Amino acid sequence: MATNGSHSVIYPVKDIAAAKAVYTALFGEPHTDTPYYVGYRAGEQEIGLNPNAAGLVDGTVYWDVADVDATVKELVAAGATVKQDPTDVGGGTRLALVADAGGTTIGLIGRS
């Protein structure tokens, strides 16, 4: 398995409107602004705010992989545990979360 680099950093937020004010001051106007996700671009990096990212303590980096399902299986075989099964989030994009042996969350993002 190889990644194409990091794709997104997702910050869990309790109050998306309050968080949006801070991140808009930092990054400018968001390219996506919905009640369930606010997204910004910082160069080639996606920065997202997610009020539904339960269980995440801090920002999670999502690694860009060719096949999310296959990568999850490979990481589980190597000792990772699944925190969120691969999920279609629209537009052919799939996300998954796994945890390493120490409990650190690893995000995966790819196309289906």
PDB file of N, CA and C in Angstrom:
ATOM      1  N   MET A   1       0.846  -1.178   0.000  1.00  0.00           N
ATOM      2  CA  MET A   1       0.000   0.000   0.000  1.00  0.00           C
ATOM      3  C   MET A   1       0.888   1.235   0.000  1.00  0.00           C
ATOM      4  N   ALA A   2       0.503   2.209  -0.769  1.00  0.00           N
ATOM      5  CA  ALA A   2       1.207   3.490  -0.776  1.00  0.00           C
ATOM      6  C   ALA A   2       0.167   4.597  -0.792  1.00  0.00           C
ATOM      7  N   THR A   3       0.513   5.699  -0.177  1.00  0.00           N
ATOM      8  CA  THR A   3      -0.408   6.834  -0.193  1.00  0.00           C
ATOM      9  C   THR A   3       0.066   7.840  -1.221  1.00  0.00           C
ATOM     10  N   ASN A   4      -0.840   8.711  -1.575  1.00  0.00           N
ATOM     11  CA  ASN A   4      -0.520   9.816  -2.470  1.00  0.00           C
ATOM     12  C   ASN A   4      -0.247  11.084  -1.672  1.00  0.00           C
ATOM     13  N   GLY A   5      -0.048  10.956  -0.369  1.00  0.00           N
ATOM     14  CA  GLY A   5       0.168  12.096   0.509  1.00  0.00           C
ATOM     15  C   GLY A   5      -1.085  12.402   1.302  1.00  0.00           C
ATOM     16  N   SER A   6      -0.987  13.401   2.137  1.00  0.00           N
ATOM     17  CA  SER A   6      -2.162  13.753   2.923  1.00  0.00           C
ATOM     18  C   SER A   6      -3.146  14.501   2.044  1.00  0.00           C
ATOM     19  N   HIS A   7      -4.390  14.297   2.328  1.00  0.00           N
ATOM     20  CA  HIS A   7      -5.467  14.895   1.544  1.00  0.00           C
ATOM     21  C   HIS A   7      -6.187  15.961   2.355  1.00  0.00           C
ATOM     22  N   SER A   8      -6.549  15.616   3.580  1.00  0.00           N
ATOM     23  CA  SER A   8      -7.385  16.507   4.386  1.00  0.00           C
ATOM     24  C   SER A   8      -6.988  16.443   5.852  1.00  0.00           C
ATOM     25  N   VAL A   9      -7.143  17.565   6.517  1.00  0.00           N
ATOM     26  CA  VAL A   9      -7.075  17.611   7.970  1.00  0.00           C
ATOM     27  C   VAL A   9      -8.467  18.028   8.422  1.00  0.00           C
ATOM     28  N   ILE A  10      -9.097  17.164   9.215  1.00  0.00           N
ATOM     29  CA  ILE A  10     -10.466  17.414   9.669  1.00  0.00           C
ATOM     30  C   ILE A  10     -10.440  17.712  11.166  1.00  0.00           C
ATOM     31  N   TYR A  11     -10.999  18.870  11.525  1.00  0.00           N
ATOM     32  CA  TYR A  11     -11.087  19.257  12.920  1.00  0.00           C
ATOM     33  C   TYR A  11     -12.497  19.020  13.429  1.00  0.00           C
ATOM     34  N   PRO A  12     -12.646  18.234  14.512  1.00  0.00           N
ATOM     35  CA  PRO A  12     -13.962  18.092  15.120  1.00  0.00           C
ATOM     36  C   PRO A  12     -14.288  19.378  15.874  1.00  0.00           C
ATOM     37  N   VAL A  13     -15.490  19.887  15.684  1.00  0.00           N
ATOM     38  CA  VAL A  13     -15.898  21.131  16.345  1.00  0.00           C
ATOM     39  C   VAL A  13     -17.257  20.933  17.002  1.00  0.00           C
ATOM     40  N   LYS A  14     -17.460  21.579  18.120  1.00  0.00           N
ATOM     41  CA  LYS A  14     -18.751  21.500  18.803  1.00  0.00           C
ATOM     42  C   LYS A  14     -19.725  22.520  18.245  1.00  0.00           C
ATOM     43  N   ASP A  15     -19.245  23.706  17.956  1.00  0.00           N
ATOM     44  CA  ASP A  15     -20.083  24.789  17.446  1.00  0.00           C
ATOM     45  C   ASP A  15     -19.514  25.210  16.100  1.00  0.00           C
ATOM     46  N   ILE A  16     -20.114  24.708  15.028  1.00  0.00           N
ATOM     47  CA  ILE A  16     -19.548  24.931  13.694  1.00  0.00           C
ATOM     48  C   ILE A  16     -19.568  26.407  13.305  1.00  0.00           C
ATOM     49  N   ALA A  17     -20.571  27.148  13.723  1.00  0.00           N
ATOM     50  CA  ALA A  17     -20.635  28.578  13.381  1.00  0.00           C
ATOM     51  C   ALA A  17     -19.507  29.346  14.058  1.00  0.00           C
ATOM     52  N   ALA A  18     -19.270  29.062  15.330  1.00  0.00           N
ATOM     53  CA  ALA A  18     -18.194  29.746  16.053  1.00  0.00           C
ATOM     54  C   ALA A  18     -16.832  29.352  15.474  1.00  0.00           C
ATOM     55  N   ALA A  19     -16.661  28.075  15.182  1.00  0.00           N
ATOM     56  CA  ALA A  19     -15.394  27.611  14.605  1.00  0.00           C
ATOM     57  C   ALA A  19     -15.185  28.214  13.221  1.00  0.00           C
ATOM     58  N   LYS A  20     -16.262  28.296  12.439  1.00  0.00           N
ATOM     59  CA  LYS A  20     -16.156  28.856  11.087  1.00  0.00           C
ATOM     60  C   LYS A  20     -15.632  30.283  11.128  1.00  0.00           C
ATOM     61  N   ALA A  21     -16.038  31.075  12.098  1.00  0.00           N
ATOM     62  CA  ALA A  21     -15.560  32.454  12.201  1.00  0.00           C
ATOM     63  C   ALA A  21     -14.042  32.489  12.372  1.00  0.00           C
ATOM     64  N   VAL A  22     -13.518  31.598  13.202  1.00  0.00           N
ATOM     65  CA  VAL A  22     -12.077  31.567  13.453  1.00  0.00           C
ATOM     66  C   VAL A  22     -11.325  31.101  12.203  1.00  0.00           C
ATOM     67  N   TYR A  23     -11.779  30.004  11.609  1.00  0.00           N
ATOM     68  CA  TYR A  23     -11.066  29.454  10.455  1.00  0.00           C
ATOM     69  C   TYR A  23     -11.212  30.339   9.215  1.00  0.00           C
ATOM     70  N   THR A  24     -12.320  31.069   9.106  1.00  0.00           N
ATOM     71  CA  THR A  24     -12.474  32.008   7.989  1.00  0.00           C
ATOM     72  C   THR A  24     -11.487  33.161   8.154  1.00  0.00           C
ATOM     73  N   ALA A  25     -11.248  33.587   9.377  1.00  0.00           N
ATOM     74  CA  ALA A  25     -10.243  34.625   9.610  1.00  0.00           C
ATOM     75  C   ALA A  25      -8.853  34.141   9.209  1.00  0.00           C
ATOM     76  N   LEU A  26      -8.599  32.845   9.382  1.00  0.00           N
ATOM     77  CA  LEU A  26      -7.297  32.273   9.056  1.00  0.00           C
ATOM     78  C   LEU A  26      -7.142  31.959   7.573  1.00  0.00           C
ATOM     79  N   PHE A  27      -8.169  31.341   6.955  1.00  0.00           N
ATOM     80  CA  PHE A  27      -8.061  30.830   5.584  1.00  0.00           C
ATOM     81  C   PHE A  27      -8.866  31.598   4.540  1.00  0.00           C
ATOM     82  N   GLY A  28      -9.711  32.530   4.950  1.00  0.00           N
ATOM     83  CA  GLY A  28     -10.600  33.199   4.005  1.00  0.00           C
ATOM     84  C   GLY A  28     -11.909  32.436   3.895  1.00  0.00           C
ATOM     85  N   GLU A  29     -12.734  32.832   2.950  1.00  0.00           N
ATOM     86  CA  GLU A  29     -14.060  32.219   2.807  1.00  0.00           C
ATOM     87  C   GLU A  29     -13.965  30.730   2.473  1.00  0.00           C
ATOM     88  N   PRO A  30     -14.855  29.912   3.070  1.00  0.00           N
ATOM     89  CA  PRO A  30     -14.831  28.481   2.776  1.00  0.00           C
ATOM     90  C   PRO A  30     -15.352  28.188   1.370  1.00  0.00           C
ATOM     91  N   HIS A  31     -14.880  27.095   0.791  1.00  0.00           N
ATOM     92  CA  HIS A  31     -15.396  26.646  -0.511  1.00  0.00           C
ATOM     93  C   HIS A  31     -16.641  25.791  -0.345  1.00  0.00           C
ATOM     94  N   THR A  32     -16.813  25.211   0.848  1.00  0.00           N
ATOM     95  CA  THR A  32     -18.002  24.425   1.174  1.00  0.00           C
ATOM     96  C   THR A  32     -18.501  24.902   2.518  1.00  0.00           C
ATOM     97  N   ASP A  33     -19.799  25.186   2.609  1.00  0.00           N
ATOM     98  CA  ASP A  33     -20.361  25.712   3.843  1.00  0.00           C
ATOM     99  C   ASP A  33     -21.731  25.086   4.074  1.00  0.00           C
ATOM    100  N   THR A  34     -21.751  23.977   4.826  1.00  0.00           N
ATOM    101  CA  THR A  34     -22.994  23.279   5.134  1.00  0.00           C
ATOM    102  C   THR A  34     -23.068  23.069   6.645  1.00  0.00           C
ATOM    103  N   PRO A  35     -24.229  22.685   7.158  1.00  0.00           N
ATOM    104  CA  PRO A  35     -24.333  22.430   8.600  1.00  0.00           C
ATOM    105  C   PRO A  35     -23.487  21.241   9.067  1.00  0.00           C
ATOM    106  N   TYR A  36     -23.096  20.342   8.159  1.00  0.00           N
ATOM    107  CA  TYR A  36     -22.344  19.151   8.547  1.00  0.00           C
ATOM    108  C   TYR A  36     -20.878  19.181   8.113  1.00  0.00           C
ATOM    109  N   TYR A  37     -20.460  20.202   7.354  1.00  0.00           N
ATOM    110  CA  TYR A  37     -19.061  20.300   6.939  1.00  0.00           C
ATOM    111  C   TYR A  37     -18.783  21.689   6.390  1.00  0.00           C
ATOM    112  N   VAL A  38     -17.677  22.274   6.841  1.00  0.00           N
ATOM    113  CA  VAL A  38     -17.193  23.532   6.279  1.00  0.00           C
ATOM    114  C   VAL A  38     -15.768  23.263   5.813  1.00  0.00           C
ATOM    115  N   GLY A  39     -15.499  23.544   4.533  1.00  0.00           N
ATOM    116  CA  GLY A  39     -14.198  23.218   3.974  1.00  0.00           C
ATOM    117  C   GLY A  39     -13.453  24.427   3.443  1.00  0.00           C
ATOM    118  N   TYR A  40     -12.144  24.418   3.657  1.00  0.00           N
ATOM    119  CA  TYR A  40     -11.237  25.475   3.201  1.00  0.00           C
ATOM    120  C   TYR A  40     -10.097  24.842   2.416  1.00  0.00           C
ATOM    121  N   ARG A  41      -9.424  25.650   1.608  1.00  0.00           N
ATOM    122  CA  ARG A  41      -8.195  25.231   0.931  1.00  0.00           C
ATOM    123  C   ARG A  41      -7.062  26.105   1.447  1.00  0.00           C
ATOM    124  N   ALA A  42      -5.966  25.459   1.774  1.00  0.00           N
ATOM    125  CA  ALA A  42      -4.732  26.151   2.146  1.00  0.00           C
ATOM    126  C   ALA A  42      -3.662  25.581   1.221  1.00  0.00           C
ATOM    127  N   GLY A  43      -3.457  26.246   0.092  1.00  0.00           N
ATOM    128  CA  GLY A  43      -2.582  25.681  -0.943  1.00  0.00           C
ATOM    129  C   GLY A  43      -3.254  24.438  -1.503  1.00  0.00           C
ATOM    130  N   GLU A  44      -2.578  23.320  -1.441  1.00  0.00           N
ATOM    131  CA  GLU A  44      -3.139  22.045  -1.909  1.00  0.00           C
ATOM    132  C   GLU A  44      -3.821  21.262  -0.786  1.00  0.00           C
ATOM    133  N   GLN A  45      -3.815  21.800   0.426  1.00  0.00           N
ATOM    134  CA  GLN A  45      -4.332  21.090   1.588  1.00  0.00           C
ATOM    135  C   GLN A  45      -5.790  21.431   1.850  1.00  0.00           C
ATOM    136  N   GLU A  46      -6.615  20.419   2.081  1.00  0.00           N
ATOM    137  CA  GLU A  46      -8.009  20.593   2.487  1.00  0.00           C
ATOM    138  C   GLU A  46      -8.055  20.675   4.004  1.00  0.00           C
ATOM    139  N   ILE A  47      -8.751  21.683   4.516  1.00  0.00           N
ATOM    140  CA  ILE A  47      -8.969  21.849   5.947  1.00  0.00           C
ATOM    141  C   ILE A  47     -10.474  21.806   6.157  1.00  0.00           C
ATOM    142  N   GLY A  48     -10.943  20.889   6.986  1.00  0.00           N
ATOM    143  CA  GLY A  48     -12.381  20.741   7.183  1.00  0.00           C
ATOM    144  C   GLY A  48     -12.792  20.852   8.632  1.00  0.00           C
ATOM    145  N   LEU A  49     -13.988  21.368   8.838  1.00  0.00           N
ATOM    146  CA  LEU A  49     -14.611  21.430  10.159  1.00  0.00           C
ATOM    147  C   LEU A  49     -15.797  20.480  10.148  1.00  0.00           C
ATOM    148  N   ASN A  50     -15.864  19.580  11.134  1.00  0.00           N
ATOM    149  CA  ASN A  50     -16.920  18.580  11.162  1.00  0.00           C
ATOM    150  C   ASN A  50     -17.532  18.510  12.552  1.00  0.00           C
ATOM    151  N   PRO A  51     -18.805  18.915  12.700  1.00  0.00           N
ATOM    152  CA  PRO A  51     -19.445  18.858  14.011  1.00  0.00           C
ATOM    153  C   PRO A  51     -19.867  17.438  14.400  1.00  0.00           C
ATOM    154  N   ASN A  52     -19.747  16.483  13.476  1.00  0.00           N
ATOM    155  CA  ASN A  52     -20.170  15.107  13.741  1.00  0.00           C
ATOM    156  C   ASN A  52     -18.999  14.149  13.871  1.00  0.00           C
ATOM    157  N   ALA A  53     -17.803  14.650  14.098  1.00  0.00           N
ATOM    158  CA  ALA A  53     -16.607  13.809  14.188  1.00  0.00           C
ATOM    159  C   ALA A  53     -16.438  13.299  15.617  1.00  0.00           C
ATOM    160  N   ALA A  54     -17.430  12.550  16.080  1.00  0.00           N
ATOM    161  CA  ALA A  54     -17.415  12.031  17.446  1.00  0.00           C
ATOM    162  C   ALA A  54     -16.197  11.155  17.671  1.00  0.00           C
ATOM    163  N   GLY A  55     -15.604  11.275  18.839  1.00  0.00           N
ATOM    164  CA  GLY A  55     -14.485  10.424  19.205  1.00  0.00           C
ATOM    165  C   GLY A  55     -13.133  10.961  18.779  1.00  0.00           C
ATOM    166  N   LEU A  56     -13.101  12.006  17.993  1.00  0.00           N
ATOM    167  CA  LEU A  56     -11.823  12.582  17.602  1.00  0.00           C
ATOM    168  C   LEU A  56     -11.460  13.659  18.602  1.00  0.00           C
ATOM    169  N   VAL A  57     -10.249  13.625  19.080  1.00  0.00           N
ATOM    170  CA  VAL A  57      -9.821  14.572  20.089  1.00  0.00           C
ATOM    171  C   VAL A  57      -9.270  15.836  19.451  1.00  0.00           C
ATOM    172  N   ASP A  58      -8.572  15.670  18.340  1.00  0.00           N
ATOM    173  CA  ASP A  58      -7.938  16.795  17.674  1.00  0.00           C
ATOM    174  C   ASP A  58      -8.094  16.583  16.180  1.00  0.00           C
ATOM    175  N   GLY A  59      -7.433  17.378  15.381  1.00  0.00           N
ATOM    176  CA  GLY A  59      -7.528  17.217  13.937  1.00  0.00           C
ATOM    177  C   GLY A  59      -7.024  15.856  13.489  1.00  0.00           C
ATOM    178  N   THR A  60      -7.697  15.253  12.544  1.00  0.00           N
ATOM    179  CA  THR A  60      -7.282  13.982  11.979  1.00  0.00           C
ATOM    180  C   THR A  60      -6.816  14.208  10.555  1.00  0.00           C
ATOM    181  N   VAL A  61      -5.648  13.695  10.239  1.00  0.00           N
ATOM    182  CA  VAL A  61      -5.142  13.757   8.872  1.00  0.00           C
ATOM    183  C   VAL A  61      -5.731  12.584   8.103  1.00  0.00           C
ATOM    184  N   TYR A  62      -6.277  12.875   6.925  1.00  0.00           N
ATOM    185  CA  TYR A  62      -6.802  11.831   6.044  1.00  0.00           C
ATOM    186  C   TYR A  62      -5.786  11.603   4.926  1.00  0.00           C
ATOM    187  N   TRP A  63      -5.286  10.378   4.829  1.00  0.00           N
ATOM    188  CA  TRP A  63      -4.307  10.017   3.808  1.00  0.00           C
ATOM    189  C   TRP A  63      -5.016   9.570   2.550  1.00  0.00           C
ATOM    190  N   ASP A  64      -4.580  10.095   1.431  1.00  0.00           N
ATOM    191  CA  ASP A  64      -5.144   9.795   0.121  1.00  0.00           C
ATOM    192  C   ASP A  64      -4.623   8.436  -0.341  1.00  0.00           C
ATOM    193  N   VAL A  65      -5.525   7.471  -0.514  1.00  0.00           N
ATOM    194  CA  VAL A  65      -5.159   6.125  -0.962  1.00  0.00           C
ATOM    195  C   VAL A  65      -5.993   5.755  -2.182  1.00  0.00           C
ATOM    196  N   ALA A  66      -5.487   4.847  -2.969  1.00  0.00           N
ATOM    197  CA  ALA A  66      -6.175   4.454  -4.197  1.00  0.00           C
ATOM    198  C   ALA A  66      -7.457   3.670  -3.909  1.00  0.00           C
ATOM    199  N   ASP A  67      -7.445   2.813  -2.890  1.00  0.00           N
ATOM    200  CA  ASP A  67      -8.589   1.945  -2.586  1.00  0.00           C
ATOM    201  C   ASP A  67      -8.778   1.903  -1.074  1.00  0.00           C
ATOM    202  N   VAL A  68      -9.771   2.622  -0.570  1.00  0.00           N
ATOM    203  CA  VAL A  68     -10.004   2.720   0.871  1.00  0.00           C
ATOM    204  C   VAL A  68     -10.300   1.345   1.468  1.00  0.00           C
ATOM    205  N   ASP A  69     -11.158   0.565   0.833  1.00  0.00           N
ATOM    206  CA  ASP A  69     -11.541  -0.743   1.380  1.00  0.00           C
ATOM    207  C   ASP A  69     -10.334  -1.672   1.501  1.00  0.00           C
ATOM    208  N   ALA A  70      -9.536  -1.742   0.453  1.00  0.00           N
ATOM    209  CA  ALA A  70      -8.353  -2.612   0.465  1.00  0.00           C
ATOM    210  C   ALA A  70      -7.334  -2.131   1.493  1.00  0.00           C
ATOM    211  N   THR A  71      -7.182  -0.824   1.623  1.00  0.00           N
ATOM    212  CA  THR A  71      -6.228  -0.273   2.582  1.00  0.00           C
ATOM    213  C   THR A  71      -6.662  -0.575   4.003  1.00  0.00           C
ATOM    214  N   VAL A  72      -7.963  -0.459   4.294  1.00  0.00           N
ATOM    215  CA  VAL A  72      -8.463  -0.797   5.631  1.00  0.00           C
ATOM    216  C   VAL A  72      -8.134  -2.258   5.940  1.00  0.00           C
ATOM    217  N   LYS A  73      -8.401  -3.159   4.993  1.00  0.00           N
ATOM    218  CA  LYS A  73      -8.108  -4.586   5.216  1.00  0.00           C
ATOM    219  C   LYS A  73      -6.625  -4.808   5.480  1.00  0.00           C
ATOM    220  N   GLU A  74      -5.784  -4.144   4.739  1.00  0.00           N
ATOM    221  CA  GLU A  74      -4.341  -4.274   4.900  1.00  0.00           C
ATOM    222  C   GLU A  74      -3.886  -3.764   6.271  1.00  0.00           C
ATOM    223  N   LEU A  75      -4.432  -2.632   6.680  1.00  0.00           N
ATOM    224  CA  LEU A  75      -4.042  -2.072   7.973  1.00  0.00           C
ATOM    225  C   LEU A  75      -4.561  -2.914   9.135  1.00  0.00           C
ATOM    226  N   VAL A  76      -5.759  -3.458   9.014  1.00  0.00           N
ATOM    227  CA  VAL A  76      -6.301  -4.339  10.052  1.00  0.00           C
ATOM    228  C   VAL A  76      -5.432  -5.592  10.164  1.00  0.00           C
ATOM    229  N   ALA A  77      -5.016  -6.135   9.034  1.00  0.00           N
ATOM    230  CA  ALA A  77      -4.127  -7.304   9.055  1.00  0.00           C
ATOM    231  C   ALA A  77      -2.798  -6.989   9.736  1.00  0.00           C
ATOM    232  N   ALA A  78      -2.397  -5.722   9.688  1.00  0.00           N
ATOM    233  CA  ALA A  78      -1.149  -5.294  10.308  1.00  0.00           C
ATOM    234  C   ALA A  78      -1.331  -4.914  11.779  1.00  0.00           C
ATOM    235  N   GLY A  79      -2.579  -4.958  12.295  1.00  0.00           N
ATOM    236  CA  GLY A  79      -2.823  -4.686  13.707  1.00  0.00           C
ATOM    237  C   GLY A  79      -3.675  -3.475  14.016  1.00  0.00           C
ATOM    238  N   ALA A  80      -4.114  -2.739  13.011  1.00  0.00           N
ATOM    239  CA  ALA A  80      -4.995  -1.588  13.248  1.00  0.00           C
ATOM    240  C   ALA A  80      -6.397  -2.075  13.594  1.00  0.00           C
ATOM    241  N   THR A  81      -7.175  -1.190  14.211  1.00  0.00           N
ATOM    242  CA  THR A  81      -8.585  -1.487  14.471  1.00  0.00           C
ATOM    243  C   THR A  81      -9.440  -0.454  13.744  1.00  0.00           C
ATOM    244  N   VAL A  82     -10.605  -0.884  13.304  1.00  0.00           N
ATOM    245  CA  VAL A  82     -11.511  -0.005  12.563  1.00  0.00           C
ATOM    246  C   VAL A  82     -12.288   0.865  13.545  1.00  0.00           C
ATOM    247  N   LYS A  83     -12.244   2.184  13.319  1.00  0.00           N
ATOM    248  CA  LYS A  83     -13.039   3.125  14.101  1.00  0.00           C
ATOM    249  C   LYS A  83     -14.276   3.556  13.329  1.00  0.00           C
ATOM    250  N   GLN A  84     -14.181   3.623  12.000  1.00  0.00           N
ATOM    251  CA  GLN A  84     -15.314   3.933  11.123  1.00  0.00           C
ATOM    252  C   GLN A  84     -15.114   3.140   9.840  1.00  0.00           C
ATOM    253  N   ASP A  85     -16.062   2.292   9.544  1.00  0.00           N
ATOM    254  CA  ASP A  85     -16.001   1.511   8.308  1.00  0.00           C
ATOM    255  C   ASP A  85     -15.955   2.435   7.097  1.00  0.00           C
ATOM    256  N   PRO A  86     -15.403   1.956   5.982  1.00  0.00           N
ATOM    257  CA  PRO A  86     -15.427   2.768   4.760  1.00  0.00           C
ATOM    258  C   PRO A  86     -16.849   3.207   4.435  1.00  0.00           C
ATOM    259  N   THR A  87     -17.008   4.499   4.184  1.00  0.00           N
ATOM    260  CA  THR A  87     -18.315   5.102   3.980  1.00  0.00           C
ATOM    261  C   THR A  87     -18.283   6.003   2.757  1.00  0.00           C
ATOM    262  N   ASP A  88     -19.301   5.891   1.913  1.00  0.00           N
ATOM    263  CA  ASP A  88     -19.433   6.780   0.753  1.00  0.00           C
ATOM    264  C   ASP A  88     -19.982   8.104   1.258  1.00  0.00           C
ATOM    265  N   VAL A  89     -19.245   9.183   0.997  1.00  0.00           N
ATOM    266  CA  VAL A  89     -19.684  10.509   1.456  1.00  0.00           C
ATOM    267  C   VAL A  89     -20.117  11.398   0.301  1.00  0.00           C
ATOM    268  N   GLY A  90     -20.281  10.809  -0.872  1.00  0.00           N
ATOM    269  CA  GLY A  90     -20.775  11.545  -2.026  1.00  0.00           C
ATOM    270  C   GLY A  90     -19.701  11.810  -3.055  1.00  0.00           C
ATOM    271  N   GLY A  91     -20.128  11.905  -4.297  1.00  0.00           N
ATOM    272  CA  GLY A  91     -19.219  12.215  -5.388  1.00  0.00           C
ATOM    273  C   GLY A  91     -18.170  11.152  -5.636  1.00  0.00           C
ATOM    274  N   GLY A  92     -18.442   9.924  -5.201  1.00  0.00           N
ATOM    275  CA  GLY A  92     -17.484   8.844  -5.390  1.00  0.00           C
ATOM    276  C   GLY A  92     -16.378   8.826  -4.357  1.00  0.00           C
ATOM    277  N   THR A  93     -16.448   9.685  -3.352  1.00  0.00           N
ATOM    278  CA  THR A  93     -15.417   9.745  -2.317  1.00  0.00           C
ATOM    279  C   THR A  93     -15.794   8.837  -1.156  1.00  0.00           C
ATOM    280  N   ARG A  94     -14.807   8.076  -0.680  1.00  0.00           N
ATOM    281  CA  ARG A  94     -15.009   7.184   0.462  1.00  0.00           C
ATOM    282  C   ARG A  94     -14.027   7.556   1.566  1.00  0.00           C
ATOM    283  N   LEU A  95     -14.508   7.469   2.805  1.00  0.00           N
ATOM    284  CA  LEU A  95     -13.699   7.756   3.987  1.00  0.00           C
ATOM    285  C   LEU A  95     -13.729   6.557   4.918  1.00  0.00           C
ATOM    286  N   ALA A  96     -12.663   6.404   5.688  1.00  0.00           N
ATOM    287  CA  ALA A  96     -12.619   5.403   6.750  1.00  0.00           C
ATOM    288  C   ALA A  96     -11.671   5.918   7.827  1.00  0.00           C
ATOM    289  N   LEU A  97     -11.853   5.410   9.041  1.00  0.00           N
ATOM    290  CA  LEU A  97     -10.954   5.721  10.149  1.00  0.00           C
ATOM    291  C   LEU A  97     -10.491   4.417  10.772  1.00  0.00           C
ATOM    292  N   VAL A  98      -9.189   4.318  11.016  1.00  0.00           N
ATOM    293  CA  VAL A  98      -8.635   3.191  11.749  1.00  0.00           C
ATOM    294  C   VAL A  98      -7.785   3.762  12.876  1.00  0.00           C
ATOM    295  N   ALA A  99      -7.444   2.913  13.832  1.00  0.00           N
ATOM    296  CA  ALA A  99      -6.560   3.322  14.927  1.00  0.00           C
ATOM    297  C   ALA A  99      -5.358   2.398  14.942  1.00  0.00           C
ATOM    298  N   ASP A 100      -4.191   2.982  15.184  1.00  0.00           N
ATOM    299  CA  ASP A 100      -2.996   2.157  15.302  1.00  0.00           C
ATOM    300  C   ASP A 100      -3.003   1.474  16.665  1.00  0.00           C
ATOM    301  N   ALA A 101      -1.985   0.701  16.970  1.00  0.00           N
ATOM    302  CA  ALA A 101      -1.938  -0.068  18.216  1.00  0.00           C
ATOM    303  C   ALA A 101      -2.007   0.820  19.458  1.00  0.00           C
ATOM    304  N   GLY A 102      -1.560   2.067  19.348  1.00  0.00           N
ATOM    305  CA  GLY A 102      -1.617   2.992  20.471  1.00  0.00           C
ATOM    306  C   GLY A 102      -2.888   3.790  20.559  1.00  0.00           C
ATOM    307  N   GLY A 103      -3.792   3.592  19.585  1.00  0.00           N
ATOM    308  CA  GLY A 103      -5.076   4.285  19.597  1.00  0.00           C
ATOM    309  C   GLY A 103      -5.121   5.555  18.779  1.00  0.00           C
ATOM    310  N   THR A 104      -4.017   5.899  18.108  1.00  0.00           N
ATOM    311  CA  THR A 104      -3.993   7.109  17.287  1.00  0.00           C
ATOM    312  C   THR A 104      -4.854   6.902  16.039  1.00  0.00           C
ATOM    313  N   THR A 105      -5.700   7.875  15.754  1.00  0.00           N
ATOM    314  CA  THR A 105      -6.602   7.780  14.605  1.00  0.00           C
ATOM    315  C   THR A 105      -5.859   8.104  13.315  1.00  0.00           C
ATOM    316  N   ILE A 106      -6.103   7.250  12.309  1.00  0.00           N
ATOM    317  CA  ILE A 106      -5.570   7.448  10.959  1.00  0.00           C
ATOM    318  C   ILE A 106      -6.764   7.538  10.022  1.00  0.00           C
ATOM    319  N   GLY A 107      -6.881   8.636   9.314  1.00  0.00           N
ATOM    320  CA  GLY A 107      -7.963   8.805   8.336  1.00  0.00           C
ATOM    321  C   GLY A 107      -7.510   8.354   6.958  1.00  0.00           C
ATOM    322  N   LEU A 108      -8.445   7.765   6.214  1.00  0.00           N
ATOM    323  CA  LEU A 108      -8.193   7.333   4.838  1.00  0.00           C
ATOM    324  C   LEU A 108      -9.263   7.931   3.954  1.00  0.00           C
ATOM    325  N   ILE A 109      -8.854   8.432   2.791  1.00  0.00           N
ATOM    326  CA  ILE A 109      -9.790   8.994   1.829  1.00  0.00           C
ATOM    327  C   ILE A 109      -9.392   8.523   0.433  1.00  0.00           C
ATOM    328  N   GLY A 110     -10.378   8.223  -0.368  1.00  0.00           N
ATOM    329  CA  GLY A 110     -10.107   7.801  -1.736  1.00  0.00           C
ATOM    330  C   GLY A 110     -11.376   7.785  -2.552  1.00  0.00           C
ATOM    331  N   ARG A 111     -11.226   7.475  -3.797  1.00  0.00           N
ATOM    332  CA  ARG A 111     -12.367   7.372  -4.714  1.00  0.00           C
ATOM    333  C   ARG A 111     -12.803   5.929  -4.808  1.00  0.00           C
ATOM    334  N   SER A 112     -14.070   5.733  -5.158  1.00  0.00           N
ATOM    335  CA  SER A 112     -14.553   4.372  -5.363  1.00  0.00           C
ATOM    336  C   SER A 112     -14.551   4.064  -6.840  1.00  0.00           C
TER     337      SER A 112
END
